[in-house]
Amino acid sequence: MVDNRRMDRPFEVTRLLQSVRRGDDGARSELYRIVYDRLVGIADGQLARTNVETLNANDLVHEAYLKLLPALEIELSDRSHFFGIAANAMRQVLVDYARKKSSAKRGGGQVRVTLNGIPSGAELKPDDIISISDALDDLDQLNPRLRQVVEMRFFAGLEHKEIADALGITTRTVERDWAKAKLLLHRALYP
């Protein structure tokens, strides 16, 4: 069982992110130790929705963290922002994996998926992952904040308040953005 007390230290994560930006290598190691369990939880959630048999949560976390390392030094402002970016990095790893594994051409034989509570037993195939990624890329072109809200909510599992804090907007704005993003993604996934 995961020790949630170790994961839920938002001020400690923010302090460590600031120390990493100042070049403190010890802070980088401590940050990884503190966030690792939460990252594995996010990875478990993403893998539970995919049909990726050769990738486990630990591998996904390690690959995503390698993608995340450059952002640690310059971009990340707080815990919510960190986990949102981490979820995006995991999504990128899964999409890269799906693109490598997908044998069907784009558009052929894709299964429709929704963001409205994918059943716990549902598995996304590589083409599904690619479709969702493409839809998020299109959403980003329309409104980058909507993509951020989806990544933080759907992929990282952050609550509306955490997303609002990370993006510097109100909780009500997050709720509206989440509803709008789901509608736009539904239209993109179900033309």
N, C-alpha and C. Protein backbone atom coordinates (compact mmCIF):
# COMPACT_ATOMS: atom_id res chain seq x y z
N MET A 1 0.84 -1.19 0.00
CA MET A 1 0.00 0.00 0.00
C MET A 1 0.88 1.25 0.00
N VAL A 2 0.46 2.26 -0.73
CA VAL A 2 1.24 3.48 -0.87
C VAL A 2 1.03 4.38 0.35
N ASP A 3 2.10 4.97 0.83
CA ASP A 3 2.02 5.89 1.96
C ASP A 3 1.69 7.28 1.45
N ASN A 4 0.41 7.66 1.53
CA ASN A 4 -0.03 8.95 1.00
C ASN A 4 0.55 10.14 1.75
N ARG A 5 0.94 9.93 3.00
CA ARG A 5 1.51 11.06 3.76
C ARG A 5 2.79 11.55 3.11
N ARG A 6 3.55 10.64 2.53
CA ARG A 6 4.80 11.03 1.90
C ARG A 6 4.56 11.76 0.58
N MET A 7 3.44 11.43 -0.10
CA MET A 7 3.17 12.01 -1.40
C MET A 7 2.57 13.40 -1.31
N ASP A 8 1.78 13.66 -0.30
CA ASP A 8 0.99 14.87 -0.26
C ASP A 8 1.66 15.97 0.54
N ARG A 9 2.80 16.41 0.07
CA ARG A 9 3.53 17.48 0.72
C ARG A 9 3.78 18.58 -0.32
N PRO A 10 2.70 19.32 -0.67
CA PRO A 10 2.82 20.27 -1.77
C PRO A 10 3.88 21.33 -1.54
N PHE A 11 4.01 21.82 -0.32
CA PHE A 11 4.99 22.87 -0.08
C PHE A 11 6.41 22.33 -0.17
N GLU A 12 6.59 21.08 0.26
CA GLU A 12 7.90 20.45 0.18
C GLU A 12 8.30 20.25 -1.30
N VAL A 13 7.36 19.81 -2.12
CA VAL A 13 7.65 19.63 -3.55
C VAL A 13 7.99 20.98 -4.18
N THR A 14 7.23 22.00 -3.86
CA THR A 14 7.51 23.34 -4.40
C THR A 14 8.88 23.84 -3.95
N ARG A 15 9.19 23.64 -2.68
CA ARG A 15 10.51 24.06 -2.17
C ARG A 15 11.63 23.33 -2.89
N LEU A 16 11.46 22.03 -3.09
CA LEU A 16 12.48 21.25 -3.77
C LEU A 16 12.62 21.66 -5.24
N LEU A 17 11.51 21.97 -5.90
CA LEU A 17 11.58 22.44 -7.28
C LEU A 17 12.40 23.73 -7.36
N GLN A 18 12.21 24.62 -6.39
CA GLN A 18 12.98 25.87 -6.36
C GLN A 18 14.47 25.57 -6.13
N SER A 19 14.76 24.61 -5.27
CA SER A 19 16.16 24.24 -5.01
C SER A 19 16.81 23.61 -6.24
N VAL A 20 16.05 22.79 -6.96
CA VAL A 20 16.57 22.19 -8.19
C VAL A 20 16.91 23.27 -9.20
N ARG A 21 16.04 24.26 -9.33
CA ARG A 21 16.30 25.37 -10.27
C ARG A 21 17.56 26.14 -9.89
N ARG A 22 17.90 26.12 -8.61
CA ARG A 22 19.12 26.79 -8.16
C ARG A 22 20.35 25.89 -8.32
N GLY A 23 20.15 24.66 -8.82
CA GLY A 23 21.27 23.77 -9.07
C GLY A 23 21.60 22.79 -7.97
N ASP A 24 20.74 22.61 -7.02
CA ASP A 24 20.98 21.70 -5.89
C ASP A 24 20.68 20.26 -6.32
N ASP A 25 21.73 19.47 -6.57
CA ASP A 25 21.56 18.08 -6.99
C ASP A 25 20.92 17.23 -5.90
N GLY A 26 21.18 17.53 -4.66
CA GLY A 26 20.56 16.80 -3.56
C GLY A 26 19.05 16.98 -3.56
N ALA A 27 18.61 18.17 -3.94
CA ALA A 27 17.17 18.44 -4.01
C ALA A 27 16.52 17.61 -5.10
N ARG A 28 17.24 17.39 -6.20
CA ARG A 28 16.71 16.59 -7.31
C ARG A 28 16.45 15.15 -6.82
N SER A 29 17.39 14.59 -6.08
CA SER A 29 17.22 13.22 -5.55
C SER A 29 16.09 13.16 -4.54
N GLU A 30 16.02 14.14 -3.66
CA GLU A 30 14.96 14.18 -2.65
C GLU A 30 13.59 14.35 -3.31
N LEU A 31 13.50 15.19 -4.33
CA LEU A 31 12.25 15.38 -5.05
C LEU A 31 11.79 14.05 -5.64
N TYR A 32 12.68 13.35 -6.29
CA TYR A 32 12.33 12.07 -6.89
C TYR A 32 11.82 11.09 -5.84
N ARG A 33 12.48 11.05 -4.69
CA ARG A 33 12.06 10.16 -3.60
C ARG A 33 10.66 10.50 -3.12
N ILE A 34 10.37 11.78 -2.99
CA ILE A 34 9.08 12.22 -2.47
C ILE A 34 7.94 11.98 -3.46
N VAL A 35 8.18 12.20 -4.75
CA VAL A 35 7.09 12.12 -5.73
C VAL A 35 6.96 10.75 -6.38
N TYR A 36 7.91 9.87 -6.15
CA TYR A 36 7.94 8.60 -6.86
C TYR A 36 6.64 7.80 -6.72
N ASP A 37 6.13 7.64 -5.50
CA ASP A 37 4.92 6.84 -5.30
C ASP A 37 3.73 7.43 -6.04
N ARG A 38 3.61 8.74 -6.02
CA ARG A 38 2.49 9.39 -6.74
C ARG A 38 2.66 9.20 -8.24
N LEU A 39 3.89 9.28 -8.74
CA LEU A 39 4.14 9.06 -10.17
C LEU A 39 3.78 7.63 -10.56
N VAL A 40 4.11 6.68 -9.71
CA VAL A 40 3.76 5.29 -9.99
C VAL A 40 2.23 5.13 -10.01
N GLY A 41 1.54 5.83 -9.12
CA GLY A 41 0.08 5.80 -9.12
C GLY A 41 -0.50 6.36 -10.40
N ILE A 42 0.05 7.46 -10.88
CA ILE A 42 -0.40 8.04 -12.15
C ILE A 42 -0.11 7.06 -13.28
N ALA A 43 1.07 6.47 -13.27
CA ALA A 43 1.44 5.51 -14.31
C ALA A 43 0.52 4.29 -14.28
N ASP A 44 0.21 3.79 -13.09
CA ASP A 44 -0.72 2.67 -12.97
C ASP A 44 -2.06 3.01 -13.61
N GLY A 45 -2.54 4.23 -13.34
CA GLY A 45 -3.81 4.66 -13.92
C GLY A 45 -3.77 4.72 -15.44
N GLN A 46 -2.67 5.24 -15.97
CA GLN A 46 -2.56 5.33 -17.42
C GLN A 46 -2.41 3.93 -18.04
N LEU A 47 -1.62 3.08 -17.42
CA LEU A 47 -1.43 1.74 -17.96
C LEU A 47 -2.69 0.89 -17.83
N ALA A 48 -3.51 1.16 -16.82
CA ALA A 48 -4.75 0.40 -16.65
C ALA A 48 -5.71 0.64 -17.81
N ARG A 49 -5.56 1.78 -18.49
CA ARG A 49 -6.43 2.10 -19.62
C ARG A 49 -5.81 1.72 -20.95
N THR A 50 -4.65 1.12 -20.93
CA THR A 50 -3.96 0.80 -22.18
C THR A 50 -3.74 -0.69 -22.30
N ASN A 51 -3.41 -1.10 -23.49
CA ASN A 51 -3.11 -2.50 -23.76
C ASN A 51 -1.60 -2.60 -24.00
N VAL A 52 -0.82 -2.19 -23.01
CA VAL A 52 0.63 -2.18 -23.10
C VAL A 52 1.16 -3.25 -22.15
N GLU A 53 1.50 -4.39 -22.71
CA GLU A 53 1.88 -5.53 -21.88
C GLU A 53 3.35 -5.51 -21.48
N THR A 54 4.20 -4.88 -22.27
CA THR A 54 5.63 -4.95 -22.01
C THR A 54 6.17 -3.76 -21.24
N LEU A 55 5.30 -2.89 -20.79
CA LEU A 55 5.71 -1.70 -20.05
C LEU A 55 5.00 -1.71 -18.71
N ASN A 56 5.77 -1.62 -17.61
CA ASN A 56 5.14 -1.57 -16.30
C ASN A 56 5.21 -0.14 -15.76
N ALA A 57 4.55 0.09 -14.65
CA ALA A 57 4.46 1.45 -14.09
C ALA A 57 5.83 2.02 -13.76
N ASN A 58 6.71 1.20 -13.19
CA ASN A 58 8.05 1.69 -12.85
C ASN A 58 8.81 2.12 -14.08
N ASP A 59 8.74 1.30 -15.15
CA ASP A 59 9.42 1.66 -16.40
C ASP A 59 8.85 2.95 -16.97
N LEU A 60 7.53 3.08 -16.93
CA LEU A 60 6.89 4.29 -17.45
C LEU A 60 7.33 5.51 -16.66
N VAL A 61 7.39 5.40 -15.35
CA VAL A 61 7.84 6.51 -14.51
C VAL A 61 9.28 6.88 -14.85
N HIS A 62 10.14 5.89 -14.98
CA HIS A 62 11.55 6.18 -15.26
C HIS A 62 11.73 6.85 -16.61
N GLU A 63 11.04 6.35 -17.64
CA GLU A 63 11.15 6.96 -18.96
C GLU A 63 10.57 8.37 -18.96
N ALA A 64 9.44 8.55 -18.31
CA ALA A 64 8.82 9.88 -18.25
C ALA A 64 9.70 10.85 -17.46
N TYR A 65 10.29 10.38 -16.38
CA TYR A 65 11.12 11.26 -15.56
C TYR A 65 12.34 11.74 -16.35
N LEU A 66 12.89 10.88 -17.21
CA LEU A 66 14.00 11.30 -18.06
C LEU A 66 13.57 12.42 -19.00
N LYS A 67 12.34 12.33 -19.52
CA LYS A 67 11.81 13.40 -20.37
C LYS A 67 11.58 14.68 -19.56
N LEU A 68 11.27 14.50 -18.30
CA LEU A 68 10.90 15.60 -17.41
C LEU A 68 12.11 16.36 -16.86
N LEU A 69 13.26 15.72 -16.81
CA LEU A 69 14.45 16.33 -16.18
C LEU A 69 14.77 17.75 -16.67
N PRO A 70 14.79 18.02 -17.97
CA PRO A 70 15.11 19.39 -18.40
C PRO A 70 14.11 20.43 -17.86
N ALA A 71 12.84 20.05 -17.76
CA ALA A 71 11.82 20.99 -17.27
C ALA A 71 12.01 21.30 -15.79
N LEU A 72 12.61 20.39 -15.04
CA LEU A 72 12.81 20.62 -13.61
C LEU A 72 13.63 21.87 -13.36
N GLU A 73 14.56 22.14 -14.22
CA GLU A 73 15.50 23.24 -13.99
C GLU A 73 14.94 24.61 -14.36
N ILE A 74 13.90 24.65 -15.20
CA ILE A 74 13.47 25.96 -15.69
C ILE A 74 11.98 26.25 -15.55
N GLU A 75 11.12 25.26 -15.69
CA GLU A 75 9.71 25.54 -15.88
C GLU A 75 8.80 25.36 -14.68
N LEU A 76 9.02 24.35 -13.91
CA LEU A 76 8.01 23.89 -12.97
C LEU A 76 7.93 24.77 -11.73
N SER A 77 6.72 25.21 -11.43
CA SER A 77 6.54 26.18 -10.36
C SER A 77 6.08 25.56 -9.05
N ASP A 78 5.27 24.50 -9.12
CA ASP A 78 4.74 23.91 -7.89
C ASP A 78 4.35 22.46 -8.12
N ARG A 79 3.83 21.83 -7.09
CA ARG A 79 3.47 20.42 -7.10
C ARG A 79 2.48 20.08 -8.21
N SER A 80 1.41 20.84 -8.33
CA SER A 80 0.39 20.56 -9.34
C SER A 80 0.97 20.68 -10.74
N HIS A 81 1.75 21.71 -10.95
CA HIS A 81 2.39 21.90 -12.25
C HIS A 81 3.31 20.72 -12.54
N PHE A 82 4.08 20.30 -11.55
CA PHE A 82 4.99 19.17 -11.70
C PHE A 82 4.23 17.92 -12.14
N PHE A 83 3.14 17.58 -11.43
CA PHE A 83 2.41 16.36 -11.76
C PHE A 83 1.69 16.47 -13.10
N GLY A 84 1.25 17.66 -13.47
CA GLY A 84 0.65 17.85 -14.79
C GLY A 84 1.66 17.60 -15.89
N ILE A 85 2.86 18.15 -15.74
CA ILE A 85 3.92 17.94 -16.73
C ILE A 85 4.36 16.47 -16.73
N ALA A 86 4.41 15.86 -15.56
CA ALA A 86 4.79 14.44 -15.47
C ALA A 86 3.76 13.56 -16.20
N ALA A 87 2.48 13.86 -16.03
CA ALA A 87 1.45 13.10 -16.73
C ALA A 87 1.58 13.26 -18.23
N ASN A 88 1.92 14.47 -18.67
CA ASN A 88 2.13 14.71 -20.10
C ASN A 88 3.32 13.90 -20.60
N ALA A 89 4.39 13.85 -19.81
CA ALA A 89 5.57 13.08 -20.20
C ALA A 89 5.22 11.59 -20.31
N MET A 90 4.40 11.09 -19.38
CA MET A 90 3.98 9.68 -19.45
C MET A 90 3.14 9.44 -20.69
N ARG A 91 2.25 10.38 -20.98
CA ARG A 91 1.42 10.25 -22.19
C ARG A 91 2.31 10.20 -23.41
N GLN A 92 3.35 11.03 -23.46
CA GLN A 92 4.27 11.02 -24.60
C GLN A 92 4.98 9.68 -24.73
N VAL A 93 5.40 9.11 -23.61
CA VAL A 93 6.05 7.80 -23.64
C VAL A 93 5.08 6.76 -24.18
N LEU A 94 3.83 6.78 -23.70
CA LEU A 94 2.84 5.81 -24.17
C LEU A 94 2.53 6.00 -25.65
N VAL A 95 2.45 7.25 -26.09
CA VAL A 95 2.18 7.52 -27.51
C VAL A 95 3.35 7.04 -28.36
N ASP A 96 4.57 7.31 -27.92
CA ASP A 96 5.75 6.82 -28.64
C ASP A 96 5.71 5.29 -28.74
N TYR A 97 5.38 4.66 -27.64
CA TYR A 97 5.27 3.21 -27.62
C TYR A 97 4.18 2.74 -28.57
N ALA A 98 3.02 3.40 -28.52
CA ALA A 98 1.90 3.01 -29.37
C ALA A 98 2.23 3.18 -30.85
N ARG A 99 2.91 4.27 -31.17
CA ARG A 99 3.28 4.49 -32.57
C ARG A 99 4.22 3.39 -33.06
N LYS A 100 5.11 2.94 -32.21
CA LYS A 100 6.03 1.86 -32.58
C LYS A 100 5.28 0.54 -32.75
N LYS A 101 4.30 0.31 -31.90
CA LYS A 101 3.59 -0.97 -31.90
C LYS A 101 2.42 -1.04 -32.87
N SER A 102 1.96 0.10 -33.32
CA SER A 102 0.77 0.11 -34.17
C SER A 102 1.11 -0.43 -35.56
N SER A 103 0.43 -1.47 -35.94
CA SER A 103 0.68 -2.04 -37.26
C SER A 103 -0.36 -1.56 -38.27
N ALA A 104 -1.49 -1.09 -37.78
CA ALA A 104 -2.53 -0.61 -38.68
C ALA A 104 -2.25 0.83 -39.08
N LYS A 105 -2.66 1.18 -40.28
CA LYS A 105 -2.49 2.58 -40.70
C LYS A 105 -3.45 3.45 -39.92
N ARG A 106 -3.11 4.71 -39.82
CA ARG A 106 -3.97 5.67 -39.13
C ARG A 106 -5.36 5.67 -39.73
N GLY A 107 -6.33 5.68 -38.81
CA GLY A 107 -7.71 5.77 -39.26
C GLY A 107 -8.35 4.41 -39.50
N GLY A 108 -7.57 3.37 -39.65
CA GLY A 108 -8.13 2.06 -39.94
C GLY A 108 -8.37 1.27 -38.68
N GLY A 109 -9.59 0.81 -38.48
CA GLY A 109 -9.90 -0.08 -37.39
C GLY A 109 -9.79 0.51 -36.00
N GLN A 110 -9.88 1.82 -35.88
CA GLN A 110 -9.75 2.42 -34.56
C GLN A 110 -11.03 2.23 -33.75
N VAL A 111 -10.85 2.02 -32.47
CA VAL A 111 -11.96 1.85 -31.55
C VAL A 111 -12.24 3.20 -30.92
N ARG A 112 -13.50 3.53 -30.79
CA ARG A 112 -13.87 4.80 -30.18
C ARG A 112 -13.71 4.73 -28.67
N VAL A 113 -13.21 5.82 -28.09
CA VAL A 113 -13.04 5.90 -26.65
C VAL A 113 -13.64 7.20 -26.16
N THR A 114 -13.94 7.25 -24.87
CA THR A 114 -14.47 8.47 -24.29
C THR A 114 -13.63 8.88 -23.11
N LEU A 115 -13.78 10.12 -22.71
CA LEU A 115 -13.13 10.61 -21.51
C LEU A 115 -14.10 10.64 -20.34
N ASN A 116 -15.33 10.27 -20.58
CA ASN A 116 -16.34 10.26 -19.52
C ASN A 116 -16.28 8.95 -18.76
N GLY A 117 -15.26 8.80 -17.94
CA GLY A 117 -15.16 7.63 -17.08
C GLY A 117 -14.99 6.33 -17.82
N ILE A 118 -13.85 6.12 -18.43
CA ILE A 118 -13.57 4.86 -19.08
C ILE A 118 -13.72 3.76 -18.03
N PRO A 119 -14.50 2.74 -18.32
CA PRO A 119 -14.66 1.66 -17.34
C PRO A 119 -13.32 1.10 -16.92
N SER A 120 -13.22 0.69 -15.68
CA SER A 120 -11.94 0.26 -15.12
C SER A 120 -11.33 -0.88 -15.90
N GLY A 121 -12.14 -1.71 -16.53
CA GLY A 121 -11.61 -2.84 -17.27
C GLY A 121 -11.28 -2.51 -18.71
N ALA A 122 -11.59 -1.30 -19.16
CA ALA A 122 -11.36 -0.94 -20.55
C ALA A 122 -9.88 -0.83 -20.84
N GLU A 123 -9.51 -1.30 -22.01
CA GLU A 123 -8.12 -1.19 -22.42
C GLU A 123 -8.05 -0.38 -23.70
N LEU A 124 -7.16 0.59 -23.71
CA LEU A 124 -6.93 1.36 -24.92
C LEU A 124 -5.85 0.67 -25.73
N LYS A 125 -6.13 0.47 -26.98
CA LYS A 125 -5.16 -0.13 -27.87
C LYS A 125 -4.22 0.97 -28.37
N PRO A 126 -3.09 0.59 -28.97
CA PRO A 126 -2.17 1.61 -29.48
C PRO A 126 -2.84 2.67 -30.36
N ASP A 127 -3.76 2.24 -31.23
CA ASP A 127 -4.44 3.21 -32.09
C ASP A 127 -5.31 4.17 -31.28
N ASP A 128 -5.89 3.68 -30.19
CA ASP A 128 -6.69 4.55 -29.32
C ASP A 128 -5.82 5.62 -28.68
N ILE A 129 -4.65 5.19 -28.20
CA ILE A 129 -3.73 6.13 -27.56
C ILE A 129 -3.31 7.20 -28.55
N ILE A 130 -3.02 6.78 -29.77
CA ILE A 130 -2.63 7.73 -30.81
C ILE A 130 -3.78 8.68 -31.13
N SER A 131 -5.00 8.16 -31.21
CA SER A 131 -6.17 9.00 -31.49
C SER A 131 -6.38 10.06 -30.41
N ILE A 132 -6.25 9.64 -29.16
CA ILE A 132 -6.41 10.59 -28.05
C ILE A 132 -5.30 11.63 -28.09
N SER A 133 -4.08 11.19 -28.36
CA SER A 133 -2.96 12.13 -28.44
C SER A 133 -3.17 13.14 -29.55
N ASP A 134 -3.60 12.65 -30.71
CA ASP A 134 -3.86 13.56 -31.83
C ASP A 134 -4.98 14.55 -31.49
N ALA A 135 -6.01 14.06 -30.83
CA ALA A 135 -7.11 14.94 -30.43
C ALA A 135 -6.63 15.99 -29.44
N LEU A 136 -5.74 15.60 -28.51
CA LEU A 136 -5.18 16.57 -27.56
C LEU A 136 -4.29 17.59 -28.27
N ASP A 137 -3.55 17.14 -29.28
CA ASP A 137 -2.74 18.08 -30.06
C ASP A 137 -3.63 19.09 -30.77
N ASP A 138 -4.74 18.62 -31.34
CA ASP A 138 -5.69 19.53 -31.99
C ASP A 138 -6.30 20.49 -30.97
N LEU A 139 -6.62 19.97 -29.80
CA LEU A 139 -7.17 20.81 -28.74
C LEU A 139 -6.17 21.87 -28.32
N ASP A 140 -4.90 21.51 -28.28
CA ASP A 140 -3.83 22.45 -27.93
C ASP A 140 -3.77 23.59 -28.93
N GLN A 141 -3.99 23.29 -30.20
CA GLN A 141 -3.99 24.34 -31.22
C GLN A 141 -5.15 25.30 -31.02
N LEU A 142 -6.27 24.78 -30.57
CA LEU A 142 -7.46 25.60 -30.33
C LEU A 142 -7.32 26.40 -29.04
N ASN A 143 -6.90 25.72 -27.97
CA ASN A 143 -6.80 26.38 -26.67
C ASN A 143 -5.85 25.57 -25.78
N PRO A 144 -4.60 26.01 -25.64
CA PRO A 144 -3.62 25.24 -24.86
C PRO A 144 -4.06 24.97 -23.42
N ARG A 145 -4.80 25.89 -22.82
CA ARG A 145 -5.21 25.67 -21.43
C ARG A 145 -6.18 24.49 -21.32
N LEU A 146 -7.02 24.29 -22.34
CA LEU A 146 -7.93 23.15 -22.31
C LEU A 146 -7.14 21.84 -22.32
N ARG A 147 -6.09 21.78 -23.13
CA ARG A 147 -5.24 20.59 -23.15
C ARG A 147 -4.60 20.37 -21.79
N GLN A 148 -4.13 21.44 -21.17
CA GLN A 148 -3.50 21.32 -19.85
C GLN A 148 -4.49 20.79 -18.82
N VAL A 149 -5.71 21.28 -18.87
CA VAL A 149 -6.74 20.82 -17.93
C VAL A 149 -7.00 19.33 -18.12
N VAL A 150 -7.11 18.88 -19.37
CA VAL A 150 -7.34 17.46 -19.63
C VAL A 150 -6.17 16.62 -19.13
N GLU A 151 -4.95 17.06 -19.43
CA GLU A 151 -3.79 16.29 -18.98
C GLU A 151 -3.73 16.20 -17.47
N MET A 152 -3.98 17.31 -16.81
CA MET A 152 -3.90 17.32 -15.35
C MET A 152 -5.04 16.53 -14.72
N ARG A 153 -6.23 16.60 -15.30
CA ARG A 153 -7.40 15.92 -14.73
C ARG A 153 -7.42 14.44 -15.11
N PHE A 154 -7.37 14.17 -16.41
CA PHE A 154 -7.55 12.81 -16.89
C PHE A 154 -6.30 11.96 -16.71
N PHE A 155 -5.14 12.51 -17.04
CA PHE A 155 -3.92 11.72 -17.00
C PHE A 155 -3.22 11.76 -15.64
N ALA A 156 -3.22 12.91 -14.97
CA ALA A 156 -2.55 13.00 -13.67
C ALA A 156 -3.49 12.76 -12.51
N GLY A 157 -4.80 12.85 -12.75
CA GLY A 157 -5.76 12.61 -11.69
C GLY A 157 -5.84 13.74 -10.67
N LEU A 158 -5.41 14.95 -11.07
CA LEU A 158 -5.47 16.07 -10.14
C LEU A 158 -6.91 16.55 -9.98
N GLU A 159 -7.22 17.07 -8.83
CA GLU A 159 -8.54 17.64 -8.56
C GLU A 159 -8.63 19.03 -9.16
N HIS A 160 -9.85 19.51 -9.32
CA HIS A 160 -10.06 20.84 -9.93
C HIS A 160 -9.30 21.94 -9.19
N LYS A 161 -9.29 21.87 -7.87
CA LYS A 161 -8.59 22.89 -7.08
C LYS A 161 -7.09 22.88 -7.38
N GLU A 162 -6.50 21.68 -7.47
CA GLU A 162 -5.07 21.57 -7.76
C GLU A 162 -4.75 22.13 -9.15
N ILE A 163 -5.62 21.85 -10.10
CA ILE A 163 -5.43 22.35 -11.46
C ILE A 163 -5.54 23.87 -11.47
N ALA A 164 -6.53 24.39 -10.77
CA ALA A 164 -6.72 25.84 -10.69
C ALA A 164 -5.48 26.51 -10.11
N ASP A 165 -4.95 25.94 -9.05
CA ASP A 165 -3.74 26.50 -8.44
C ASP A 165 -2.56 26.47 -9.40
N ALA A 166 -2.40 25.35 -10.10
CA ALA A 166 -1.27 25.21 -11.02
C ALA A 166 -1.37 26.18 -12.19
N LEU A 167 -2.58 26.43 -12.66
CA LEU A 167 -2.76 27.29 -13.83
C LEU A 167 -3.06 28.74 -13.48
N GLY A 168 -3.26 29.02 -12.20
CA GLY A 168 -3.54 30.38 -11.79
C GLY A 168 -4.91 30.87 -12.22
N ILE A 169 -5.89 29.96 -12.19
CA ILE A 169 -7.26 30.30 -12.56
C ILE A 169 -8.18 29.82 -11.44
N THR A 170 -9.46 30.13 -11.56
CA THR A 170 -10.41 29.72 -10.53
C THR A 170 -10.85 28.27 -10.75
N THR A 171 -11.36 27.68 -9.69
CA THR A 171 -11.88 26.32 -9.78
C THR A 171 -13.05 26.27 -10.75
N ARG A 172 -13.88 27.28 -10.72
CA ARG A 172 -15.03 27.35 -11.65
C ARG A 172 -14.56 27.38 -13.10
N THR A 173 -13.48 28.09 -13.38
CA THR A 173 -12.93 28.13 -14.73
C THR A 173 -12.44 26.75 -15.14
N VAL A 174 -11.81 26.04 -14.22
CA VAL A 174 -11.37 24.67 -14.50
C VAL A 174 -12.57 23.80 -14.83
N GLU A 175 -13.63 23.92 -14.06
CA GLU A 175 -14.83 23.12 -14.31
C GLU A 175 -15.40 23.40 -15.70
N ARG A 176 -15.46 24.68 -16.08
CA ARG A 176 -15.95 25.04 -17.42
C ARG A 176 -15.00 24.52 -18.49
N ASP A 177 -13.69 24.68 -18.28
CA ASP A 177 -12.71 24.20 -19.25
C ASP A 177 -12.79 22.69 -19.41
N TRP A 178 -12.96 21.97 -18.30
CA TRP A 178 -13.06 20.51 -18.34
C TRP A 178 -14.28 20.08 -19.15
N ALA A 179 -15.42 20.73 -18.91
CA ALA A 179 -16.63 20.41 -19.66
C ALA A 179 -16.46 20.72 -21.15
N LYS A 180 -15.89 21.86 -21.45
CA LYS A 180 -15.67 22.25 -22.84
C LYS A 180 -14.69 21.30 -23.53
N ALA A 181 -13.60 20.97 -22.85
CA ALA A 181 -12.59 20.08 -23.41
C ALA A 181 -13.18 18.70 -23.70
N LYS A 182 -13.99 18.17 -22.77
CA LYS A 182 -14.60 16.87 -23.00
C LYS A 182 -15.50 16.90 -24.22
N LEU A 183 -16.25 17.97 -24.38
CA LEU A 183 -17.14 18.11 -25.54
C LEU A 183 -16.33 18.15 -26.83
N LEU A 184 -15.28 18.96 -26.86
CA LEU A 184 -14.46 19.08 -28.07
C LEU A 184 -13.73 17.78 -28.38
N LEU A 185 -13.24 17.11 -27.36
CA LEU A 185 -12.56 15.84 -27.60
C LEU A 185 -13.55 14.76 -28.06
N HIS A 186 -14.73 14.80 -27.50
CA HIS A 186 -15.77 13.84 -27.94
C HIS A 186 -16.05 14.04 -29.42
N ARG A 187 -16.19 15.30 -29.83
CA ARG A 187 -16.42 15.58 -31.26
C ARG A 187 -15.25 15.13 -32.12
N ALA A 188 -14.03 15.28 -31.62
CA ALA A 188 -12.85 14.88 -32.39
C ALA A 188 -12.74 13.35 -32.47
N LEU A 189 -13.09 12.67 -31.39
CA LEU A 189 -12.96 11.22 -31.36
C LEU A 189 -14.15 10.51 -32.01
N TYR A 190 -15.30 11.18 -32.07
CA TYR A 190 -16.52 10.60 -32.64
C TYR A 190 -17.06 11.52 -33.73
N PRO A 191 -16.35 11.62 -34.84
CA PRO A 191 -16.81 12.55 -35.90
C PRO A 191 -18.12 12.12 -36.52
